[in-house]
Amino acid sequence: MGSYFFSELAVKDINEICEFIGQTNVKAASKLFDTIRQKCKLVSSFPNMGKDYSWIGSDLRGFIVDDYIVFYYPRKDGIDIVRVAYGRRDLKALFEEFGDET
């Protein structure tokens, strides 16, 4: 079984997303948070199962949860989640905006 780690930016992303959704539907926000954690746990055991996003960053992978993409870097014993973003955002710009922070 693999492990997963959330970067500070990923935690910030999740908090902002859940706060926004929670303004109108607390249950939906809680469900999204739980689903993200469950999928992270699954993917951490199979780090290369996500979609290849190397066009954004070397070795970057991601998986979809509802309308969001969870971006991560695989490692031998799991994954490092670097960002969580709405799927219709300009993804390349999202990563360029934060440069080395991811």
PDB file of N, CA and C in Angstrom:
ATOM      1  N   MET A   1       0.843  -1.187   0.000  1.00  0.00           N
ATOM      2  CA  MET A   1       0.000   0.000   0.000  1.00  0.00           C
ATOM      3  C   MET A   1       0.882   1.241   0.000  1.00  0.00           C
ATOM      4  N   GLY A   2       0.581   2.180  -0.887  1.00  0.00           N
ATOM      5  CA  GLY A   2       1.353   3.403  -0.995  1.00  0.00           C
ATOM      6  C   GLY A   2       0.843   4.489  -0.064  1.00  0.00           C
ATOM      7  N   SER A   3       1.619   5.546   0.020  1.00  0.00           N
ATOM      8  CA  SER A   3       1.222   6.698   0.829  1.00  0.00           C
ATOM      9  C   SER A   3       1.053   7.912  -0.083  1.00  0.00           C
ATOM     10  N   TYR A   4       0.377   8.915   0.439  1.00  0.00           N
ATOM     11  CA  TYR A   4       0.210  10.142  -0.323  1.00  0.00           C
ATOM     12  C   TYR A   4       0.444  11.341   0.575  1.00  0.00           C
ATOM     13  N   PHE A   5       0.936  12.397  -0.049  1.00  0.00           N
ATOM     14  CA  PHE A   5       1.273  13.620   0.665  1.00  0.00           C
ATOM     15  C   PHE A   5       0.726  14.805  -0.120  1.00  0.00           C
ATOM     16  N   PHE A   6       0.090  15.749   0.569  1.00  0.00           N
ATOM     17  CA  PHE A   6      -0.430  16.960  -0.065  1.00  0.00           C
ATOM     18  C   PHE A   6       0.540  18.116   0.150  1.00  0.00           C
ATOM     19  N   SER A   7       0.916  18.802  -0.929  1.00  0.00           N
ATOM     20  CA  SER A   7       1.732  20.010  -0.800  1.00  0.00           C
ATOM     21  C   SER A   7       0.883  21.108  -0.167  1.00  0.00           C
ATOM     22  N   GLU A   8       1.533  22.173   0.271  1.00  0.00           N
ATOM     23  CA  GLU A   8       0.798  23.306   0.841  1.00  0.00           C
ATOM     24  C   GLU A   8      -0.179  23.891  -0.175  1.00  0.00           C
ATOM     25  N   LEU A   9       0.242  23.971  -1.443  1.00  0.00           N
ATOM     26  CA  LEU A   9      -0.651  24.498  -2.475  1.00  0.00           C
ATOM     27  C   LEU A   9      -1.856  23.588  -2.692  1.00  0.00           C
ATOM     28  N   ALA A  10      -1.645  22.287  -2.650  1.00  0.00           N
ATOM     29  CA  ALA A  10      -2.758  21.348  -2.827  1.00  0.00           C
ATOM     30  C   ALA A  10      -3.759  21.480  -1.675  1.00  0.00           C
ATOM     31  N   VAL A  11      -3.256  21.627  -0.470  1.00  0.00           N
ATOM     32  CA  VAL A  11      -4.139  21.821   0.687  1.00  0.00           C
ATOM     33  C   VAL A  11      -4.924  23.119   0.527  1.00  0.00           C
ATOM     34  N   LYS A  12      -4.242  24.172   0.099  1.00  0.00           N
ATOM     35  CA  LYS A  12      -4.911  25.457  -0.132  1.00  0.00           C
ATOM     36  C   LYS A  12      -5.994  25.315  -1.199  1.00  0.00           C
ATOM     37  N   ASP A  13      -5.654  24.621  -2.300  1.00  0.00           N
ATOM     38  CA  ASP A  13      -6.627  24.397  -3.373  1.00  0.00           C
ATOM     39  C   ASP A  13      -7.869  23.689  -2.851  1.00  0.00           C
ATOM     40  N   ILE A  14      -7.667  22.594  -2.123  1.00  0.00           N
ATOM     41  CA  ILE A  14      -8.794  21.806  -1.610  1.00  0.00           C
ATOM     42  C   ILE A  14      -9.635  22.635  -0.645  1.00  0.00           C
ATOM     43  N   ASN A  15      -8.972  23.365   0.240  1.00  0.00           N
ATOM     44  CA  ASN A  15      -9.709  24.204   1.190  1.00  0.00           C
ATOM     45  C   ASN A  15     -10.570  25.238   0.477  1.00  0.00           C
ATOM     46  N   GLU A  16      -9.994  25.904  -0.523  1.00  0.00           N
ATOM     47  CA  GLU A  16     -10.748  26.921  -1.264  1.00  0.00           C
ATOM     48  C   GLU A  16     -11.925  26.305  -2.018  1.00  0.00           C
ATOM     49  N   ILE A  17     -11.691  25.167  -2.646  1.00  0.00           N
ATOM     50  CA  ILE A  17     -12.764  24.487  -3.394  1.00  0.00           C
ATOM     51  C   ILE A  17     -13.888  24.077  -2.453  1.00  0.00           C
ATOM     52  N   CYS A  18     -13.531  23.450  -1.342  1.00  0.00           N
ATOM     53  CA  CYS A  18     -14.555  22.978  -0.404  1.00  0.00           C
ATOM     54  C   CYS A  18     -15.283  24.130   0.283  1.00  0.00           C
ATOM     55  N   GLU A  19     -14.571  25.207   0.577  1.00  0.00           N
ATOM     56  CA  GLU A  19     -15.235  26.383   1.156  1.00  0.00           C
ATOM     57  C   GLU A  19     -16.244  26.970   0.177  1.00  0.00           C
ATOM     58  N   PHE A  20     -15.855  27.065  -1.081  1.00  0.00           N
ATOM     59  CA  PHE A  20     -16.754  27.603  -2.104  1.00  0.00           C
ATOM     60  C   PHE A  20     -18.003  26.728  -2.242  1.00  0.00           C
ATOM     61  N   ILE A  21     -17.808  25.433  -2.386  1.00  0.00           N
ATOM     62  CA  ILE A  21     -18.942  24.513  -2.536  1.00  0.00           C
ATOM     63  C   ILE A  21     -19.781  24.508  -1.261  1.00  0.00           C
ATOM     64  N   GLY A  22     -19.119  24.562  -0.108  1.00  0.00           N
ATOM     65  CA  GLY A  22     -19.801  24.519   1.180  1.00  0.00           C
ATOM     66  C   GLY A  22     -20.703  25.702   1.448  1.00  0.00           C
ATOM     67  N   GLN A  23     -20.495  26.803   0.732  1.00  0.00           N
ATOM     68  CA  GLN A  23     -21.368  27.964   0.902  1.00  0.00           C
ATOM     69  C   GLN A  23     -22.803  27.648   0.508  1.00  0.00           C
ATOM     70  N   THR A  24     -22.968  26.715  -0.421  1.00  0.00           N
ATOM     71  CA  THR A  24     -24.313  26.357  -0.865  1.00  0.00           C
ATOM     72  C   THR A  24     -24.708  24.928  -0.529  1.00  0.00           C
ATOM     73  N   ASN A  25     -23.675  24.044  -0.296  1.00  0.00           N
ATOM     74  CA  ASN A  25     -23.995  22.645  -0.044  1.00  0.00           C
ATOM     75  C   ASN A  25     -22.861  21.994   0.755  1.00  0.00           C
ATOM     76  N   VAL A  26     -23.015  21.989   2.068  1.00  0.00           N
ATOM     77  CA  VAL A  26     -21.988  21.457   2.956  1.00  0.00           C
ATOM     78  C   VAL A  26     -21.765  19.958   2.709  1.00  0.00           C
ATOM     79  N   LYS A  27     -22.838  19.226   2.467  1.00  0.00           N
ATOM     80  CA  LYS A  27     -22.705  17.782   2.214  1.00  0.00           C
ATOM     81  C   LYS A  27     -21.888  17.514   0.956  1.00  0.00           C
ATOM     82  N   ALA A  28     -22.121  18.283  -0.091  1.00  0.00           N
ATOM     83  CA  ALA A  28     -21.382  18.102  -1.346  1.00  0.00           C
ATOM     84  C   ALA A  28     -19.899  18.400  -1.141  1.00  0.00           C
ATOM     85  N   ALA A  29     -19.589  19.427  -0.369  1.00  0.00           N
ATOM     86  CA  ALA A  29     -18.191  19.772  -0.093  1.00  0.00           C
ATOM     87  C   ALA A  29     -17.510  18.644   0.677  1.00  0.00           C
ATOM     88  N   SER A  30     -18.196  18.125   1.672  1.00  0.00           N
ATOM     89  CA  SER A  30     -17.653  17.026   2.469  1.00  0.00           C
ATOM     90  C   SER A  30     -17.459  15.768   1.624  1.00  0.00           C
ATOM     91  N   LYS A  31     -18.425  15.501   0.763  1.00  0.00           N
ATOM     92  CA  LYS A  31     -18.347  14.323  -0.108  1.00  0.00           C
ATOM     93  C   LYS A  31     -17.172  14.457  -1.082  1.00  0.00           C
ATOM     94  N   LEU A  32     -16.983  15.644  -1.655  1.00  0.00           N
ATOM     95  CA  LEU A  32     -15.871  15.860  -2.571  1.00  0.00           C
ATOM     96  C   LEU A  32     -14.541  15.638  -1.851  1.00  0.00           C
ATOM     97  N   PHE A  33     -14.404  16.194  -0.660  1.00  0.00           N
ATOM     98  CA  PHE A  33     -13.183  16.024   0.125  1.00  0.00           C
ATOM     99  C   PHE A  33     -12.912  14.541   0.381  1.00  0.00           C
ATOM    100  N   ASP A  34     -13.927  13.814   0.806  1.00  0.00           N
ATOM    101  CA  ASP A  34     -13.769  12.377   1.076  1.00  0.00           C
ATOM    102  C   ASP A  34     -13.412  11.600  -0.185  1.00  0.00           C
ATOM    103  N   THR A  35     -14.033  11.948  -1.301  1.00  0.00           N
ATOM    104  CA  THR A  35     -13.764  11.262  -2.568  1.00  0.00           C
ATOM    105  C   THR A  35     -12.331  11.508  -3.024  1.00  0.00           C
ATOM    106  N   ILE A  36     -11.855  12.728  -2.868  1.00  0.00           N
ATOM    107  CA  ILE A  36     -10.464  13.040  -3.228  1.00  0.00           C
ATOM    108  C   ILE A  36      -9.513  12.194  -2.383  1.00  0.00           C
ATOM    109  N   ARG A  37      -9.739  12.129  -1.091  1.00  0.00           N
ATOM    110  CA  ARG A  37      -8.868  11.330  -0.211  1.00  0.00           C
ATOM    111  C   ARG A  37      -8.907   9.852  -0.572  1.00  0.00           C
ATOM    112  N   GLN A  38     -10.093   9.314  -0.855  1.00  0.00           N
ATOM    113  CA  GLN A  38     -10.214   7.900  -1.221  1.00  0.00           C
ATOM    114  C   GLN A  38      -9.467   7.603  -2.518  1.00  0.00           C
ATOM    115  N   LYS A  39      -9.620   8.489  -3.495  1.00  0.00           N
ATOM    116  CA  LYS A  39      -8.955   8.267  -4.783  1.00  0.00           C
ATOM    117  C   LYS A  39      -7.443   8.424  -4.633  1.00  0.00           C
ATOM    118  N   CYS A  40      -6.984   9.346  -3.784  1.00  0.00           N
ATOM    119  CA  CYS A  40      -5.552   9.489  -3.528  1.00  0.00           C
ATOM    120  C   CYS A  40      -4.988   8.204  -2.929  1.00  0.00           C
ATOM    121  N   LYS A  41      -5.735   7.629  -2.019  1.00  0.00           N
ATOM    122  CA  LYS A  41      -5.307   6.369  -1.395  1.00  0.00           C
ATOM    123  C   LYS A  41      -5.174   5.269  -2.446  1.00  0.00           C
ATOM    124  N   LEU A  42      -6.152   5.171  -3.349  1.00  0.00           N
ATOM    125  CA  LEU A  42      -6.112   4.163  -4.405  1.00  0.00           C
ATOM    126  C   LEU A  42      -4.929   4.409  -5.343  1.00  0.00           C
ATOM    127  N   VAL A  43      -4.795   5.628  -5.827  1.00  0.00           N
ATOM    128  CA  VAL A  43      -3.744   5.949  -6.789  1.00  0.00           C
ATOM    129  C   VAL A  43      -2.358   5.800  -6.152  1.00  0.00           C
ATOM    130  N   SER A  44      -2.234   6.054  -4.868  1.00  0.00           N
ATOM    131  CA  SER A  44      -0.925   5.922  -4.214  1.00  0.00           C
ATOM    132  C   SER A  44      -0.394   4.490  -4.288  1.00  0.00           C
ATOM    133  N   SER A  45      -1.283   3.522  -4.420  1.00  0.00           N
ATOM    134  CA  SER A  45      -0.860   2.128  -4.563  1.00  0.00           C
ATOM    135  C   SER A  45      -0.478   1.789  -5.997  1.00  0.00           C
ATOM    136  N   PHE A  46      -0.922   2.607  -6.937  1.00  0.00           N
ATOM    137  CA  PHE A  46      -0.637   2.421  -8.367  1.00  0.00           C
ATOM    138  C   PHE A  46      -0.265   3.779  -8.966  1.00  0.00           C
ATOM    139  N   PRO A  47       0.899   4.317  -8.612  1.00  0.00           N
ATOM    140  CA  PRO A  47       1.251   5.707  -8.937  1.00  0.00           C
ATOM    141  C   PRO A  47       1.228   6.081 -10.418  1.00  0.00           C
ATOM    142  N   ASN A  48       1.379   5.129 -11.306  1.00  0.00           N
ATOM    143  CA  ASN A  48       1.416   5.476 -12.729  1.00  0.00           C
ATOM    144  C   ASN A  48       0.076   5.316 -13.424  1.00  0.00           C
ATOM    145  N   MET A  49      -0.992   5.092 -12.654  1.00  0.00           N
ATOM    146  CA  MET A  49      -2.292   4.868 -13.281  1.00  0.00           C
ATOM    147  C   MET A  49      -2.960   6.160 -13.760  1.00  0.00           C
ATOM    148  N   GLY A  50      -2.537   7.296 -13.270  1.00  0.00           N
ATOM    149  CA  GLY A  50      -3.141   8.562 -13.670  1.00  0.00           C
ATOM    150  C   GLY A  50      -2.746   8.961 -15.079  1.00  0.00           C
ATOM    151  N   LYS A  51      -3.438   9.957 -15.589  1.00  0.00           N
ATOM    152  CA  LYS A  51      -3.168  10.482 -16.931  1.00  0.00           C
ATOM    153  C   LYS A  51      -1.836  11.233 -16.937  1.00  0.00           C
ATOM    154  N   ASP A  52      -1.126  11.101 -18.023  1.00  0.00           N
ATOM    155  CA  ASP A  52       0.156  11.773 -18.193  1.00  0.00           C
ATOM    156  C   ASP A  52      -0.064  13.258 -18.513  1.00  0.00           C
ATOM    157  N   TYR A  53       0.492  14.130 -17.685  1.00  0.00           N
ATOM    158  CA  TYR A  53       0.439  15.575 -17.915  1.00  0.00           C
ATOM    159  C   TYR A  53       1.853  16.124 -18.071  1.00  0.00           C
ATOM    160  N   SER A  54       2.738  15.340 -18.688  1.00  0.00           N
ATOM    161  CA  SER A  54       4.128  15.771 -18.835  1.00  0.00           C
ATOM    162  C   SER A  54       4.266  16.990 -19.741  1.00  0.00           C
ATOM    163  N   TRP A  55       3.225  17.322 -20.503  1.00  0.00           N
ATOM    164  CA  TRP A  55       3.254  18.543 -21.315  1.00  0.00           C
ATOM    165  C   TRP A  55       3.195  19.792 -20.434  1.00  0.00           C
ATOM    166  N   ILE A  56       2.815  19.602 -19.170  1.00  0.00           N
ATOM    167  CA  ILE A  56       2.809  20.714 -18.211  1.00  0.00           C
ATOM    168  C   ILE A  56       4.102  20.699 -17.393  1.00  0.00           C
ATOM    169  N   GLY A  57       4.457  19.515 -16.905  1.00  0.00           N
ATOM    170  CA  GLY A  57       5.650  19.371 -16.080  1.00  0.00           C
ATOM    171  C   GLY A  57       6.175  17.952 -16.179  1.00  0.00           C
ATOM    172  N   SER A  58       7.470  17.808 -16.162  1.00  0.00           N
ATOM    173  CA  SER A  58       8.097  16.500 -16.281  1.00  0.00           C
ATOM    174  C   SER A  58       7.585  15.545 -15.202  1.00  0.00           C
ATOM    175  N   ASP A  59       7.137  14.368 -15.621  1.00  0.00           N
ATOM    176  CA  ASP A  59       6.629  13.300 -14.742  1.00  0.00           C
ATOM    177  C   ASP A  59       5.293  13.608 -14.075  1.00  0.00           C
ATOM    178  N   LEU A  60       4.683  14.753 -14.374  1.00  0.00           N
ATOM    179  CA  LEU A  60       3.409  15.118 -13.750  1.00  0.00           C
ATOM    180  C   LEU A  60       2.292  14.211 -14.254  1.00  0.00           C
ATOM    181  N   ARG A  61       1.467  13.755 -13.334  1.00  0.00           N
ATOM    182  CA  ARG A  61       0.319  12.914 -13.669  1.00  0.00           C
ATOM    183  C   ARG A  61      -0.906  13.501 -12.955  1.00  0.00           C
ATOM    184  N   GLY A  62      -2.095  13.013 -13.309  1.00  0.00           N
ATOM    185  CA  GLY A  62      -3.295  13.511 -12.668  1.00  0.00           C
ATOM    186  C   GLY A  62      -4.455  12.562 -12.831  1.00  0.00           C
ATOM    187  N   PHE A  63      -5.459  12.752 -11.993  1.00  0.00           N
ATOM    188  CA  PHE A  63      -6.697  11.992 -12.101  1.00  0.00           C
ATOM    189  C   PHE A  63      -7.865  12.913 -11.790  1.00  0.00           C
ATOM    190  N   ILE A  64      -9.013  12.534 -12.316  1.00  0.00           N
ATOM    191  CA  ILE A  64     -10.201  13.380 -12.200  1.00  0.00           C
ATOM    192  C   ILE A  64     -11.085  12.915 -11.048  1.00  0.00           C
ATOM    193  N   VAL A  65     -11.566  13.890 -10.301  1.00  0.00           N
ATOM    194  CA  VAL A  65     -12.588  13.675  -9.275  1.00  0.00           C
ATOM    195  C   VAL A  65     -13.647  14.739  -9.526  1.00  0.00           C
ATOM    196  N   ASP A  66     -14.801  14.314  -9.960  1.00  0.00           N
ATOM    197  CA  ASP A  66     -15.879  15.224 -10.353  1.00  0.00           C
ATOM    198  C   ASP A  66     -15.362  16.185 -11.427  1.00  0.00           C
ATOM    199  N   ASP A  67     -15.415  17.491 -11.186  1.00  0.00           N
ATOM    200  CA  ASP A  67     -14.965  18.484 -12.175  1.00  0.00           C
ATOM    201  C   ASP A  67     -13.531  18.936 -11.932  1.00  0.00           C
ATOM    202  N   TYR A  68     -12.796  18.243 -11.074  1.00  0.00           N
ATOM    203  CA  TYR A  68     -11.466  18.674 -10.656  1.00  0.00           C
ATOM    204  C   TYR A  68     -10.402  17.665 -11.066  1.00  0.00           C
ATOM    205  N   ILE A  69      -9.204  18.175 -11.255  1.00  0.00           N
ATOM    206  CA  ILE A  69      -8.063  17.321 -11.564  1.00  0.00           C
ATOM    207  C   ILE A  69      -7.094  17.395 -10.385  1.00  0.00           C
ATOM    208  N   VAL A  70      -6.724  16.236  -9.888  1.00  0.00           N
ATOM    209  CA  VAL A  70      -5.733  16.137  -8.816  1.00  0.00           C
ATOM    210  C   VAL A  70      -4.399  15.824  -9.492  1.00  0.00           C
ATOM    211  N   PHE A  71      -3.456  16.767  -9.401  1.00  0.00           N
ATOM    212  CA  PHE A  71      -2.152  16.620 -10.035  1.00  0.00           C
ATOM    213  C   PHE A  71      -1.152  16.087  -9.022  1.00  0.00           C
ATOM    214  N   TYR A  72      -0.324  15.160  -9.477  1.00  0.00           N
ATOM    215  CA  TYR A  72       0.642  14.556  -8.565  1.00  0.00           C
ATOM    216  C   TYR A  72       1.888  14.089  -9.306  1.00  0.00           C
ATOM    217  N   TYR A  73       2.924  13.859  -8.516  1.00  0.00           N
ATOM    218  CA  TYR A  73       4.144  13.231  -9.002  1.00  0.00           C
ATOM    219  C   TYR A  73       4.243  11.851  -8.366  1.00  0.00           C
ATOM    220  N   PRO A  74       4.434  10.823  -9.192  1.00  0.00           N
ATOM    221  CA  PRO A  74       4.577   9.476  -8.628  1.00  0.00           C
ATOM    222  C   PRO A  74       5.947   9.312  -7.961  1.00  0.00           C
ATOM    223  N   ARG A  75       5.988   8.470  -6.960  1.00  0.00           N
ATOM    224  CA  ARG A  75       7.244   8.057  -6.345  1.00  0.00           C
ATOM    225  C   ARG A  75       7.155   6.558  -6.081  1.00  0.00           C
ATOM    226  N   LYS A  76       8.229   5.943  -5.686  1.00  0.00           N
ATOM    227  CA  LYS A  76       8.250   4.484  -5.510  1.00  0.00           C
ATOM    228  C   LYS A  76       7.189   3.989  -4.541  1.00  0.00           C
ATOM    229  N   ASP A  77       6.975   4.739  -3.470  1.00  0.00           N
ATOM    230  CA  ASP A  77       6.068   4.269  -2.431  1.00  0.00           C
ATOM    231  C   ASP A  77       4.769   5.072  -2.343  1.00  0.00           C
ATOM    232  N   GLY A  78       4.397   5.772  -3.429  1.00  0.00           N
ATOM    233  CA  GLY A  78       3.145   6.525  -3.400  1.00  0.00           C
ATOM    234  C   GLY A  78       3.145   7.718  -4.336  1.00  0.00           C
ATOM    235  N   ILE A  79       2.475   8.781  -3.897  1.00  0.00           N
ATOM    236  CA  ILE A  79       2.338   9.977  -4.733  1.00  0.00           C
ATOM    237  C   ILE A  79       2.464  11.238  -3.880  1.00  0.00           C
ATOM    238  N   ASP A  80       2.920  12.302  -4.531  1.00  0.00           N
ATOM    239  CA  ASP A  80       2.966  13.638  -3.932  1.00  0.00           C
ATOM    240  C   ASP A  80       1.994  14.521  -4.696  1.00  0.00           C
ATOM    241  N   ILE A  81       0.894  14.900  -4.060  1.00  0.00           N
ATOM    242  CA  ILE A  81      -0.124  15.730  -4.701  1.00  0.00           C
ATOM    243  C   ILE A  81       0.339  17.177  -4.628  1.00  0.00           C
ATOM    244  N   VAL A  82       0.385  17.830  -5.814  1.00  0.00           N
ATOM    245  CA  VAL A  82       0.910  19.193  -5.868  1.00  0.00           C
ATOM    246  C   VAL A  82      -0.161  20.254  -6.093  1.00  0.00           C
ATOM    247  N   ARG A  83      -1.230  19.925  -6.782  1.00  0.00           N
ATOM    248  CA  ARG A  83      -2.308  20.879  -7.045  1.00  0.00           C
ATOM    249  C   ARG A  83      -3.625  20.130  -7.218  1.00  0.00           C
ATOM    250  N   VAL A  84      -4.714  20.832  -6.957  1.00  0.00           N
ATOM    251  CA  VAL A  84      -6.066  20.359  -7.260  1.00  0.00           C
ATOM    252  C   VAL A  84      -6.748  21.531  -7.942  1.00  0.00           C
ATOM    253  N   ALA A  85      -7.217  21.322  -9.177  1.00  0.00           N
ATOM    254  CA  ALA A  85      -7.728  22.449  -9.958  1.00  0.00           C
ATOM    255  C   ALA A  85      -8.988  22.075 -10.711  1.00  0.00           C
ATOM    256  N   TYR A  86      -9.816  23.072 -10.931  1.00  0.00           N
ATOM    257  CA  TYR A  86     -10.996  22.909 -11.772  1.00  0.00           C
ATOM    258  C   TYR A  86     -10.518  22.513 -13.162  1.00  0.00           C
ATOM    259  N   GLY A  87     -11.115  21.505 -13.734  1.00  0.00           N
ATOM    260  CA  GLY A  87     -10.657  20.928 -14.982  1.00  0.00           C
ATOM    261  C   GLY A  87     -10.695  21.830 -16.195  1.00  0.00           C
ATOM    262  N   ARG A  88     -11.469  22.906 -16.141  1.00  0.00           N
ATOM    263  CA  ARG A  88     -11.566  23.800 -17.299  1.00  0.00           C
ATOM    264  C   ARG A  88     -10.639  25.009 -17.211  1.00  0.00           C
ATOM    265  N   ARG A  89      -9.797  25.035 -16.191  1.00  0.00           N
ATOM    266  CA  ARG A  89      -8.821  26.130 -16.068  1.00  0.00           C
ATOM    267  C   ARG A  89      -7.742  25.986 -17.124  1.00  0.00           C
ATOM    268  N   ASP A  90      -7.027  27.053 -17.366  1.00  0.00           N
ATOM    269  CA  ASP A  90      -5.843  27.007 -18.214  1.00  0.00           C
ATOM    270  C   ASP A  90      -4.752  26.340 -17.370  1.00  0.00           C
ATOM    271  N   LEU A  91      -4.587  25.055 -17.576  1.00  0.00           N
ATOM    272  CA  LEU A  91      -3.722  24.271 -16.700  1.00  0.00           C
ATOM    273  C   LEU A  91      -2.255  24.667 -16.807  1.00  0.00           C
ATOM    274  N   LYS A  92      -1.800  24.923 -17.992  1.00  0.00           N
ATOM    275  CA  LYS A  92      -0.400  25.321 -18.174  1.00  0.00           C
ATOM    276  C   LYS A  92      -0.134  26.628 -17.419  1.00  0.00           C
ATOM    277  N   ALA A  93      -1.056  27.570 -17.535  1.00  0.00           N
ATOM    278  CA  ALA A  93      -0.911  28.851 -16.833  1.00  0.00           C
ATOM    279  C   ALA A  93      -0.945  28.658 -15.316  1.00  0.00           C
ATOM    280  N   LEU A  94      -1.761  27.716 -14.847  1.00  0.00           N
ATOM    281  CA  LEU A  94      -1.850  27.443 -13.416  1.00  0.00           C
ATOM    282  C   LEU A  94      -0.489  27.055 -12.854  1.00  0.00           C
ATOM    283  N   PHE A  95       0.229  26.207 -13.570  1.00  0.00           N
ATOM    284  CA  PHE A  95       1.527  25.761 -13.090  1.00  0.00           C
ATOM    285  C   PHE A  95       2.611  26.817 -13.308  1.00  0.00           C
ATOM    286  N   GLU A  96       2.524  27.592 -14.367  1.00  0.00           N
ATOM    287  CA  GLU A  96       3.493  28.664 -14.595  1.00  0.00           C
ATOM    288  C   GLU A  96       3.356  29.754 -13.557  1.00  0.00           C
ATOM    289  N   GLU A  97       2.118  29.983 -13.113  1.00  0.00           N
ATOM    290  CA  GLU A  97       1.830  31.022 -12.112  1.00  0.00           C
ATOM    291  C   GLU A  97       2.594  30.784 -10.821  1.00  0.00           C
ATOM    292  N   PHE A  98       2.768  29.529 -10.456  1.00  0.00           N
ATOM    293  CA  PHE A  98       3.391  29.203  -9.180  1.00  0.00           C
ATOM    294  C   PHE A  98       4.817  28.694  -9.322  1.00  0.00           C
ATOM    295  N   GLY A  99       5.304  28.583 -10.528  1.00  0.00           N
ATOM    296  CA  GLY A  99       6.698  28.238 -10.783  1.00  0.00           C
ATOM    297  C   GLY A  99       7.218  27.100  -9.947  1.00  0.00           C
ATOM    298  N   ASP A 100       8.206  27.369  -9.119  1.00  0.00           N
ATOM    299  CA  ASP A 100       8.883  26.337  -8.338  1.00  0.00           C
ATOM    300  C   ASP A 100       8.130  25.906  -7.083  1.00  0.00           C
ATOM    301  N   GLU A 101       7.012  26.519  -6.780  1.00  0.00           N
ATOM    302  CA  GLU A 101       6.284  26.174  -5.553  1.00  0.00           C
ATOM    303  C   GLU A 101       5.645  24.795  -5.631  1.00  0.00           C
ATOM    304  N   THR A 102       5.394  24.257  -6.842  1.00  0.00           N
ATOM    305  CA  THR A 102       4.705  22.976  -6.980  1.00  0.00           C
ATOM    306  C   THR A 102       5.597  21.804  -6.816  1.00  0.00           C
TER     307      THR A 102
END
